[in-house]
């Protein structure tokens, strides 16, 4: 089967069946798993970019704030990263004076308190 992208187990089984090769779909799935062959997955989510911002972004607001003393003003942000096991939430705290990371944290729930743990 010269294919640029590998099929899943069911499509592979159907292709073998069409070529008169006798085998079961569970056997095909097991052999593919043992060989480490994975199908190319479709993207589950589309990234939607909003081009019409009516207000200033948080980054532009943060860069306009001036700080004269370290460890007086901290800013934080949280985001999530999609993985095969689920979502991983990441929280980060920055010191506005030095622009360095003060704390960060990762976890399964979107809790910004995690970033306070150094």
C-alpha atoms as a PDB file:
ATOM      1  CA  UNK A   1       0.000   0.000   0.000  1.00  0.00           C
ATOM      2  CA  UNK A   2       2.103   2.982  -1.116  1.00  0.00           C
ATOM      3  CA  UNK A   3       0.299   5.761   0.726  1.00  0.00           C
ATOM      4  CA  UNK A   4       1.753   9.078   1.855  1.00  0.00           C
ATOM      5  CA  UNK A   5      -0.249   9.083   5.107  1.00  0.00           C
ATOM      6  CA  UNK A   6      -0.908   5.840   7.012  1.00  0.00           C
ATOM      7  CA  UNK A   7      -4.469   4.624   7.335  1.00  0.00           C
ATOM      8  CA  UNK A   8      -6.161   3.652  10.554  1.00  0.00           C
ATOM      9  CA  UNK A   9      -6.718  -0.014  11.406  1.00  0.00           C
ATOM     10  CA  UNK A  10     -10.209  -0.199   9.861  1.00  0.00           C
ATOM     11  CA  UNK A  11      -9.165   1.423   6.574  1.00  0.00           C
ATOM     12  CA  UNK A  12      -6.114  -0.834   6.408  1.00  0.00           C
ATOM     13  CA  UNK A  13      -8.317  -3.889   7.024  1.00  0.00           C
ATOM     14  CA  UNK A  14     -10.744  -2.796   4.279  1.00  0.00           C
ATOM     15  CA  UNK A  15      -7.867  -2.257   1.849  1.00  0.00           C
ATOM     16  CA  UNK A  16      -6.448  -5.721   2.604  1.00  0.00           C
ATOM     17  CA  UNK A  17      -9.928  -7.230   2.224  1.00  0.00           C
ATOM     18  CA  UNK A  18     -10.322  -5.495  -1.161  1.00  0.00           C
ATOM     19  CA  UNK A  19      -7.009  -7.069  -2.243  1.00  0.00           C
ATOM     20  CA  UNK A  20      -8.308 -10.528  -1.180  1.00  0.00           C
ATOM     21  CA  UNK A  21      -5.943 -10.842   1.780  1.00  0.00           C
ATOM     22  CA  UNK A  22      -7.759 -12.726   4.545  1.00  0.00           C
ATOM     23  CA  UNK A  23      -7.296 -11.221   8.002  1.00  0.00           C
ATOM     24  CA  UNK A  24      -9.419  -9.800  10.802  1.00  0.00           C
ATOM     25  CA  UNK A  25      -9.628  -6.133  11.713  1.00  0.00           C
ATOM     26  CA  UNK A  26      -8.626  -6.810  15.331  1.00  0.00           C
ATOM     27  CA  UNK A  27      -5.520  -8.637  14.123  1.00  0.00           C
ATOM     28  CA  UNK A  28      -4.662  -5.686  11.868  1.00  0.00           C
ATOM     29  CA  UNK A  29      -5.129  -3.322  14.822  1.00  0.00           C
ATOM     30  CA  UNK A  30      -2.942  -5.490  17.085  1.00  0.00           C
ATOM     31  CA  UNK A  31      -0.153  -5.825  14.502  1.00  0.00           C
ATOM     32  CA  UNK A  32      -0.208  -2.087  13.814  1.00  0.00           C
ATOM     33  CA  UNK A  33       0.025  -1.384  17.537  1.00  0.00           C
ATOM     34  CA  UNK A  34       2.944  -3.804  17.945  1.00  0.00           C
ATOM     35  CA  UNK A  35       4.747  -2.180  15.004  1.00  0.00           C
ATOM     36  CA  UNK A  36       4.088   1.318  16.387  1.00  0.00           C
ATOM     37  CA  UNK A  37       2.131   2.452  13.321  1.00  0.00           C
ATOM     38  CA  UNK A  38      -0.282   5.278  14.066  1.00  0.00           C
ATOM     39  CA  UNK A  39      -2.762   6.918  11.752  1.00  0.00           C
ATOM     40  CA  UNK A  40      -2.432  10.604  10.986  1.00  0.00           C
ATOM     41  CA  UNK A  41      -4.995  12.301  13.166  1.00  0.00           C
ATOM     42  CA  UNK A  42      -7.171  15.162  12.098  1.00  0.00           C
ATOM     43  CA  UNK A  43      -6.948  18.329  14.127  1.00  0.00           C
ATOM     44  CA  UNK A  44      -9.795  18.419  16.599  1.00  0.00           C
ATOM     45  CA  UNK A  45      -9.829  22.173  17.041  1.00  0.00           C
ATOM     46  CA  UNK A  46      -9.436  25.100  14.740  1.00  0.00           C
ATOM     47  CA  UNK A  47      -7.475  28.083  15.906  1.00  0.00           C
ATOM     48  CA  UNK A  48      -9.605  31.168  15.426  1.00  0.00           C
ATOM     49  CA  UNK A  49      -7.696  34.416  15.258  1.00  0.00           C
ATOM     50  CA  UNK A  50      -9.629  37.516  16.203  1.00  0.00           C
ATOM     51  CA  UNK A  51      -8.328  40.364  14.058  1.00  0.00           C
ATOM     52  CA  UNK A  52     -10.607  43.159  15.233  1.00  0.00           C
ATOM     53  CA  UNK A  53      -9.485  44.039  18.735  1.00  0.00           C
ATOM     54  CA  UNK A  54     -11.453  46.893  20.233  1.00  0.00           C
ATOM     55  CA  UNK A  55      -9.258  47.196  23.351  1.00  0.00           C
ATOM     56  CA  UNK A  56      -5.546  47.051  23.947  1.00  0.00           C
ATOM     57  CA  UNK A  57      -4.113  43.629  24.627  1.00  0.00           C
ATOM     58  CA  UNK A  58      -2.869  42.643  28.064  1.00  0.00           C
ATOM     59  CA  UNK A  59       0.695  42.530  26.757  1.00  0.00           C
ATOM     60  CA  UNK A  60       0.593  46.113  25.493  1.00  0.00           C
ATOM     61  CA  UNK A  61      -0.938  47.266  28.794  1.00  0.00           C
ATOM     62  CA  UNK A  62       1.743  45.428  30.782  1.00  0.00           C
ATOM     63  CA  UNK A  63       4.608  46.941  28.800  1.00  0.00           C
ATOM     64  CA  UNK A  64       3.259  50.458  29.361  1.00  0.00           C
ATOM     65  CA  UNK A  65       3.409  50.062  33.169  1.00  0.00           C
ATOM     66  CA  UNK A  66       6.705  51.270  34.627  1.00  0.00           C
ATOM     67  CA  UNK A  67       7.978  49.937  37.914  1.00  0.00           C
ATOM     68  CA  UNK A  68      10.874  51.438  39.917  1.00  0.00           C
ATOM     69  CA  UNK A  69      11.187  48.821  42.685  1.00  0.00           C
ATOM     70  CA  UNK A  70      11.548  45.047  42.229  1.00  0.00           C
ATOM     71  CA  UNK A  71       8.976  42.607  43.649  1.00  0.00           C
ATOM     72  CA  UNK A  72       6.240  45.247  43.934  1.00  0.00           C
ATOM     73  CA  UNK A  73       4.089  44.525  40.875  1.00  0.00           C
ATOM     74  CA  UNK A  74       3.542  41.045  39.506  1.00  0.00           C
ATOM     75  CA  UNK A  75       1.450  40.058  36.514  1.00  0.00           C
ATOM     76  CA  UNK A  76       0.158  36.607  35.748  1.00  0.00           C
ATOM     77  CA  UNK A  77      -1.257  34.686  32.867  1.00  0.00           C
ATOM     78  CA  UNK A  78      -2.737  31.261  32.409  1.00  0.00           C
ATOM     79  CA  UNK A  79      -3.182  29.105  29.350  1.00  0.00           C
ATOM     80  CA  UNK A  80      -3.835  25.496  28.478  1.00  0.00           C
ATOM     81  CA  UNK A  81      -2.016  23.085  26.218  1.00  0.00           C
ATOM     82  CA  UNK A  82      -3.882  20.270  24.466  1.00  0.00           C
ATOM     83  CA  UNK A  83      -2.276  16.858  24.805  1.00  0.00           C
ATOM     84  CA  UNK A  84      -3.403  13.351  23.934  1.00  0.00           C
ATOM     85  CA  UNK A  85      -4.240  12.687  27.584  1.00  0.00           C
ATOM     86  CA  UNK A  86      -6.274  15.909  27.957  1.00  0.00           C
ATOM     87  CA  UNK A  87      -5.559  19.529  28.752  1.00  0.00           C
ATOM     88  CA  UNK A  88      -2.540  20.739  30.696  1.00  0.00           C
ATOM     89  CA  UNK A  89      -2.999  24.126  32.351  1.00  0.00           C
ATOM     90  CA  UNK A  90       0.000  26.417  32.718  1.00  0.00           C
ATOM     91  CA  UNK A  91       0.124  29.512  34.948  1.00  0.00           C
ATOM     92  CA  UNK A  92       3.018  32.008  35.080  1.00  0.00           C
ATOM     93  CA  UNK A  93       3.784  35.027  37.301  1.00  0.00           C
ATOM     94  CA  UNK A  94       6.193  37.746  36.109  1.00  0.00           C
ATOM     95  CA  UNK A  95       7.863  40.579  38.008  1.00  0.00           C
ATOM     96  CA  UNK A  96       7.237  43.779  36.041  1.00  0.00           C
ATOM     97  CA  UNK A  97      10.475  45.407  37.204  1.00  0.00           C
ATOM     98  CA  UNK A  98      12.879  42.697  36.086  1.00  0.00           C
ATOM     99  CA  UNK A  99      10.530  41.010  33.525  1.00  0.00           C
ATOM    100  CA  UNK A 100      11.568  37.656  34.992  1.00  0.00           C
ATOM    101  CA  UNK A 101       9.478  34.653  35.936  1.00  0.00           C
ATOM    102  CA  UNK A 102       8.667  34.753  39.658  1.00  0.00           C
ATOM    103  CA  UNK A 103       6.681  31.525  39.736  1.00  0.00           C
ATOM    104  CA  UNK A 104       4.924  29.044  37.525  1.00  0.00           C
ATOM    105  CA  UNK A 105       2.808  25.956  37.835  1.00  0.00           C
ATOM    106  CA  UNK A 106       1.156  23.226  35.794  1.00  0.00           C
ATOM    107  CA  UNK A 107      -1.776  21.011  36.548  1.00  0.00           C
ATOM    108  CA  UNK A 108      -4.985  19.437  35.376  1.00  0.00           C
ATOM    109  CA  UNK A 109      -7.194  22.300  36.582  1.00  0.00           C
ATOM    110  CA  UNK A 110      -7.016  26.013  35.695  1.00  0.00           C
ATOM    111  CA  UNK A 111      -5.905  27.313  39.103  1.00  0.00           C
ATOM    112  CA  UNK A 112      -3.698  30.423  39.033  1.00  0.00           C
ATOM    113  CA  UNK A 113      -2.649  29.764  42.646  1.00  0.00           C
ATOM    114  CA  UNK A 114      -0.331  27.080  41.258  1.00  0.00           C
ATOM    115  CA  UNK A 115       2.009  29.743  39.897  1.00  0.00           C
ATOM    116  CA  UNK A 116       2.683  31.123  43.394  1.00  0.00           C
ATOM    117  CA  UNK A 117       4.552  27.943  44.240  1.00  0.00           C
ATOM    118  CA  UNK A 118       8.188  28.563  43.355  1.00  0.00           C
END
